[in-house]
């Protein structure tokens, strides 16, 4: 897994907009090569960070 989107090139934290509502109940899976939003333990907390699934 590769995570990105939280910091600018100069390592300053990115400004985040309002969180995105969790859409995990859509039938899609976190398969290799897919991109998904990163979030905290709150399921509705996704903002600017995302990850790319690299595993099997």
C-alpha atoms as a PDB file:
ATOM      1  CA  UNK A   1       0.000   0.000   0.000  1.00  0.00           C
ATOM      2  CA  UNK A   2       1.229   3.494  -0.838  1.00  0.00           C
ATOM      3  CA  UNK A   3      -0.354   6.451   0.948  1.00  0.00           C
ATOM      4  CA  UNK A   4      -0.184  10.044  -0.301  1.00  0.00           C
ATOM      5  CA  UNK A   5      -2.047  13.330  -0.483  1.00  0.00           C
ATOM      6  CA  UNK A   6      -1.496  14.726   3.014  1.00  0.00           C
ATOM      7  CA  UNK A   7       1.506  16.982   2.440  1.00  0.00           C
ATOM      8  CA  UNK A   8       2.821  19.528  -0.045  1.00  0.00           C
ATOM      9  CA  UNK A   9       6.248  19.144  -1.713  1.00  0.00           C
ATOM     10  CA  UNK A  10       7.820  21.216   1.106  1.00  0.00           C
ATOM     11  CA  UNK A  11       6.279  18.805   3.693  1.00  0.00           C
ATOM     12  CA  UNK A  12       3.679  21.308   4.915  1.00  0.00           C
ATOM     13  CA  UNK A  13       0.358  19.642   5.661  1.00  0.00           C
ATOM     14  CA  UNK A  14      -2.245  20.138   2.931  1.00  0.00           C
ATOM     15  CA  UNK A  15      -5.325  22.149   3.713  1.00  0.00           C
ATOM     16  CA  UNK A  16      -8.311  19.816   3.775  1.00  0.00           C
ATOM     17  CA  UNK A  17     -11.872  20.523   2.687  1.00  0.00           C
ATOM     18  CA  UNK A  18     -14.951  19.075   4.363  1.00  0.00           C
ATOM     19  CA  UNK A  19     -14.753  15.297   4.901  1.00  0.00           C
ATOM     20  CA  UNK A  20     -16.245  12.914   2.350  1.00  0.00           C
ATOM     21  CA  UNK A  21     -19.122  10.688   3.426  1.00  0.00           C
ATOM     22  CA  UNK A  22     -18.133   7.003   3.593  1.00  0.00           C
ATOM     23  CA  UNK A  23     -19.197   5.111   0.446  1.00  0.00           C
ATOM     24  CA  UNK A  24     -17.716   1.716   1.395  1.00  0.00           C
ATOM     25  CA  UNK A  25     -21.046  -0.084   0.989  1.00  0.00           C
ATOM     26  CA  UNK A  26     -20.932   0.122  -2.812  1.00  0.00           C
ATOM     27  CA  UNK A  27     -19.753  -3.402  -3.691  1.00  0.00           C
ATOM     28  CA  UNK A  28     -16.263  -2.285  -4.763  1.00  0.00           C
ATOM     29  CA  UNK A  29     -13.207  -3.992  -3.256  1.00  0.00           C
ATOM     30  CA  UNK A  30      -9.718  -2.799  -2.348  1.00  0.00           C
ATOM     31  CA  UNK A  31      -7.981  -4.939  -4.960  1.00  0.00           C
ATOM     32  CA  UNK A  32      -4.437  -4.530  -6.284  1.00  0.00           C
ATOM     33  CA  UNK A  33      -4.124  -1.337  -8.325  1.00  0.00           C
ATOM     34  CA  UNK A  34      -7.195   0.367  -6.883  1.00  0.00           C
ATOM     35  CA  UNK A  35      -7.182   3.789  -5.228  1.00  0.00           C
ATOM     36  CA  UNK A  36      -9.133   4.536  -2.050  1.00  0.00           C
ATOM     37  CA  UNK A  37      -9.500   7.391   0.401  1.00  0.00           C
ATOM     38  CA  UNK A  38      -7.624   7.227   3.696  1.00  0.00           C
ATOM     39  CA  UNK A  39      -9.498   8.123   6.872  1.00  0.00           C
ATOM     40  CA  UNK A  40      -9.251   8.055  10.640  1.00  0.00           C
ATOM     41  CA  UNK A  41     -11.306   5.708  12.825  1.00  0.00           C
ATOM     42  CA  UNK A  42     -14.313   7.904  11.946  1.00  0.00           C
ATOM     43  CA  UNK A  43     -15.759   6.313   8.762  1.00  0.00           C
ATOM     44  CA  UNK A  44     -16.790   9.747   7.410  1.00  0.00           C
ATOM     45  CA  UNK A  45     -13.389  11.468   7.830  1.00  0.00           C
ATOM     46  CA  UNK A  46     -11.742  11.126   4.381  1.00  0.00           C
ATOM     47  CA  UNK A  47     -10.265  14.442   3.220  1.00  0.00           C
ATOM     48  CA  UNK A  48      -7.103  14.778   1.089  1.00  0.00           C
ATOM     49  CA  UNK A  49      -5.185  11.557   1.751  1.00  0.00           C
ATOM     50  CA  UNK A  50      -5.551   8.470  -0.389  1.00  0.00           C
ATOM     51  CA  UNK A  51      -3.843   5.148  -0.881  1.00  0.00           C
ATOM     52  CA  UNK A  52      -3.007   2.840  -3.751  1.00  0.00           C
ATOM     53  CA  UNK A  53      -3.400  -0.863  -3.089  1.00  0.00           C
ATOM     54  CA  UNK A  54      -0.260  -2.750  -4.144  1.00  0.00           C
ATOM     55  CA  UNK A  55      -0.825  -6.133  -2.464  1.00  0.00           C
ATOM     56  CA  UNK A  56      -2.532  -9.245  -3.709  1.00  0.00           C
END
